[in-house]
Amino acid sequence: MCFRRNGILGGTLIAAMLLSGGDVGRTQNRKKLTAPTYYLAIKGILESSDTIRVRGATNLPVGAKIGVGVGQFVGDFGLKPYTDGGCAIVKENGIFDLELHPKSGVIFHRSLIAVAEFSVRGECKQPASVLVVVGDKGQHLGNDNYDDAADTTMAETPGMFENPQLNQSSGWYFGLEAINRVE
């Protein structure tokens, strides 16, 4: 909009870009991106009325199993499942991917909710190599420097307040959860 209303401002910006070689961002140093704790990010894509692909990224260990499902919100807290779900495996590049199909009698549509969950217990049994890193109760998910001798029966683990995806469940187990509206 500035270019249309103020030709002088637009001309000045274009001249500055040309003098800098056209790449304003090149003069800035790039920082290596890091996450303060573990994370999950997902995207649900409606491919057809009977196929939704859920893709995701994480910094969890290679081989970690991510529980993935699709449903529709019901009331304030419920999610009516549209799939039986499944387990996606984290690859070396931190990516996971799973194709889901609806339960019998259900048709997929836009605006359903894709859910991804990392848990140390449940349907997606974690390999021992993952449990060594995140802890057998998930106590390392909030902070890599967690003291193994510390009491894991407490209601919180370090990092609970810094990571909005970190949650605690019955038995003082810790996990991660992400949701996304299916596009």
Protein backbone atom coordinates (compact mmCIF):
# COMPACT_ATOMS: atom_id res chain seq x y z
CA MET A 1 0.00 0.00 0.00
CA CYS A 2 2.86 2.42 0.71
CA PHE A 3 4.09 2.07 -2.87
CA ARG A 4 0.75 3.16 -4.33
CA ARG A 5 0.19 6.13 -2.04
CA ASN A 6 3.71 7.52 -1.79
CA GLY A 7 5.89 7.15 -4.87
CA ILE A 8 8.85 8.83 -3.14
CA LEU A 9 8.85 6.32 -0.26
CA GLY A 10 8.48 3.44 -2.71
CA GLY A 11 11.31 4.75 -4.89
CA THR A 12 13.54 5.20 -1.83
CA LEU A 13 12.91 1.60 -0.71
CA ILE A 14 13.60 0.21 -4.17
CA ALA A 15 16.81 2.26 -4.43
CA ALA A 16 17.97 0.98 -1.02
CA MET A 17 17.33 -2.60 -2.11
CA LEU A 18 19.21 -2.13 -5.37
CA LEU A 19 22.21 -0.57 -3.59
CA SER A 20 22.31 -3.48 -1.16
CA GLY A 21 22.34 -5.99 -4.00
CA GLY A 22 18.62 -6.68 -3.71
CA ASP A 23 19.07 -8.94 -0.67
CA VAL A 24 18.41 -6.94 2.47
CA GLY A 25 18.44 -10.07 4.66
CA ARG A 26 21.97 -11.04 3.55
CA THR A 27 23.58 -8.40 5.79
CA GLN A 28 22.11 -9.95 8.93
CA ASN A 29 23.74 -12.90 10.65
CA ARG A 30 21.55 -15.96 10.94
CA LYS A 31 21.25 -17.64 14.30
CA LYS A 32 20.95 -21.38 14.76
CA LEU A 33 17.38 -21.98 15.92
CA THR A 34 16.93 -23.94 19.12
CA ALA A 35 14.03 -24.98 21.29
CA PRO A 36 14.25 -24.64 25.08
CA THR A 37 12.59 -28.03 25.57
CA TYR A 38 11.10 -30.78 23.43
CA TYR A 39 8.34 -29.86 20.99
CA LEU A 40 5.79 -31.33 18.56
CA ALA A 41 4.38 -29.52 15.54
CA ILE A 42 1.76 -31.04 13.23
CA LYS A 43 -0.34 -30.28 10.20
CA GLY A 44 -3.44 -32.21 9.13
CA ILE A 45 -4.20 -32.25 5.41
CA LEU A 46 -7.48 -33.49 3.96
CA GLU A 47 -6.50 -35.46 0.86
CA SER A 48 -9.96 -36.94 0.21
CA SER A 49 -13.15 -37.86 2.07
CA ASP A 50 -11.40 -41.02 3.26
CA THR A 51 -7.77 -39.90 3.69
CA ILE A 52 -6.15 -37.37 6.00
CA ARG A 53 -2.37 -37.09 6.12
CA VAL A 54 -0.84 -35.81 9.34
CA ARG A 55 2.72 -34.54 8.98
CA GLY A 56 4.84 -33.31 11.81
CA ALA A 57 8.21 -32.23 13.11
CA THR A 58 9.84 -32.69 16.50
CA ASN A 59 13.16 -32.68 18.27
CA LEU A 60 12.33 -35.91 20.11
CA PRO A 61 14.82 -38.75 19.63
CA VAL A 62 14.91 -40.72 16.37
CA GLY A 63 12.57 -43.71 16.62
CA ALA A 64 10.15 -42.02 19.04
CA LYS A 65 6.55 -43.03 18.34
CA ILE A 66 3.95 -40.30 18.05
CA GLY A 67 0.29 -41.22 18.54
CA VAL A 68 -1.80 -39.54 15.83
CA GLY A 69 -5.57 -39.31 15.41
CA VAL A 70 -8.35 -37.16 14.00
CA GLY A 71 -11.64 -36.16 15.56
CA GLN A 72 -14.22 -33.43 16.05
CA PHE A 73 -14.75 -31.34 19.16
CA VAL A 74 -17.88 -32.23 21.13
CA GLY A 75 -18.84 -29.93 23.98
CA ASP A 76 -16.15 -28.21 25.99
CA PHE A 77 -13.65 -31.02 26.47
CA GLY A 78 -14.57 -34.00 24.34
CA LEU A 79 -13.19 -35.15 21.01
CA LYS A 80 -15.29 -37.57 18.98
CA PRO A 81 -12.75 -39.86 17.26
CA TYR A 82 -13.05 -40.14 13.49
CA THR A 83 -10.13 -42.60 13.25
CA ASP A 84 -8.70 -45.47 15.23
CA GLY A 85 -5.44 -43.53 15.20
CA GLY A 86 -1.97 -44.87 14.69
CA CYS A 87 1.69 -44.45 15.56
CA ALA A 88 4.07 -42.38 13.44
CA ILE A 89 7.81 -42.91 13.85
CA VAL A 90 10.23 -39.98 14.08
CA LYS A 91 12.84 -40.15 11.32
CA GLU A 92 16.46 -38.96 11.54
CA ASN A 93 15.50 -35.52 10.20
CA GLY A 94 12.88 -35.06 12.96
CA ILE A 95 9.93 -35.53 10.58
CA PHE A 96 7.03 -37.95 11.04
CA ASP A 97 4.11 -38.69 8.74
CA LEU A 98 0.99 -40.84 8.92
CA GLU A 99 -1.94 -41.45 6.57
CA LEU A 100 -5.23 -41.95 8.41
CA HIS A 101 -8.55 -43.40 7.26
CA PRO A 102 -11.96 -42.90 8.88
CA LYS A 103 -13.82 -45.29 11.10
CA SER A 104 -16.68 -47.16 9.45
CA GLY A 105 -19.60 -44.87 8.61
CA VAL A 106 -17.58 -41.65 8.96
CA ILE A 107 -16.58 -39.25 6.17
CA PHE A 108 -13.69 -36.82 6.57
CA HIS A 109 -14.26 -33.10 6.04
CA ARG A 110 -12.34 -29.88 6.64
CA SER A 111 -12.07 -28.38 10.11
CA LEU A 112 -11.65 -31.68 11.89
CA ILE A 113 -8.94 -31.70 14.56
CA ALA A 114 -5.67 -33.60 14.13
CA VAL A 115 -4.01 -34.58 17.40
CA ALA A 116 -0.45 -35.78 17.96
CA GLU A 117 0.75 -37.06 21.30
CA PHE A 118 4.06 -38.28 22.62
CA SER A 119 3.69 -40.42 25.71
CA VAL A 120 5.97 -42.87 27.48
CA ARG A 121 3.01 -45.15 28.07
CA GLY A 122 -0.05 -45.95 26.03
CA GLU A 123 -0.73 -47.43 22.63
CA CYS A 124 2.51 -46.27 21.00
CA LYS A 125 5.09 -48.19 23.03
CA GLN A 126 8.38 -46.28 23.06
CA PRO A 127 11.64 -48.07 22.28
CA ALA A 128 14.20 -48.35 25.10
CA SER A 129 16.57 -46.01 23.19
CA VAL A 130 13.94 -43.23 23.44
CA LEU A 131 13.16 -43.87 27.12
CA VAL A 132 16.86 -43.51 27.98
CA VAL A 133 16.73 -39.96 26.59
CA VAL A 134 13.30 -38.74 27.80
CA GLY A 135 13.09 -40.78 31.02
CA ASP A 136 10.88 -43.74 31.82
CA LYS A 137 8.19 -41.36 33.08
CA GLY A 138 8.99 -38.57 30.60
CA GLN A 139 10.68 -36.57 33.34
CA HIS A 140 13.40 -35.30 30.96
CA LEU A 141 10.93 -33.74 28.51
CA GLY A 142 11.00 -30.39 30.29
CA ASN A 143 14.69 -30.11 30.99
CA ASP A 144 17.65 -32.18 29.80
CA ASN A 145 19.47 -31.43 33.08
CA TYR A 146 16.84 -33.09 35.25
CA ASP A 147 18.46 -34.89 38.19
CA ASP A 148 17.80 -38.63 37.87
CA ALA A 149 17.90 -38.94 41.64
CA ALA A 150 15.11 -36.36 42.00
CA ASP A 151 11.66 -37.39 43.10
CA THR A 152 9.55 -38.10 39.98
CA THR A 153 6.37 -38.35 42.04
CA MET A 154 6.07 -34.56 42.10
CA ALA A 155 3.31 -32.82 40.15
CA GLU A 156 5.70 -30.90 37.90
CA THR A 157 8.95 -31.47 36.07
CA PRO A 158 11.42 -28.71 35.24
CA GLY A 159 10.27 -26.89 32.12
CA MET A 160 6.53 -27.31 32.74
CA PHE A 161 5.99 -23.54 32.73
CA GLU A 162 8.28 -22.88 29.74
CA ASN A 163 6.74 -25.48 27.42
CA PRO A 164 3.01 -25.09 26.70
CA GLN A 165 2.92 -28.55 25.07
CA LEU A 166 4.25 -30.41 28.12
CA ASN A 167 1.57 -32.07 30.21
CA GLN A 168 1.33 -34.38 33.19
CA SER A 169 -1.01 -37.34 33.50
CA SER A 170 -2.03 -39.77 36.21
CA GLY A 171 0.87 -41.57 37.84
CA TRP A 172 3.18 -38.57 37.31
CA TYR A 173 3.86 -39.37 33.69
CA PHE A 174 4.82 -36.51 31.39
CA GLY A 175 4.11 -36.12 27.66
CA LEU A 176 3.68 -33.69 24.79
CA GLU A 177 0.56 -32.89 22.77
CA ALA A 178 -0.16 -30.79 19.69
CA ILE A 179 -3.40 -30.14 17.83
CA ASN A 180 -4.13 -28.65 14.42
CA ARG A 181 -7.25 -27.91 12.38
CA VAL A 182 -7.34 -30.12 9.29
CA GLU A 183 -7.03 -28.04 6.11
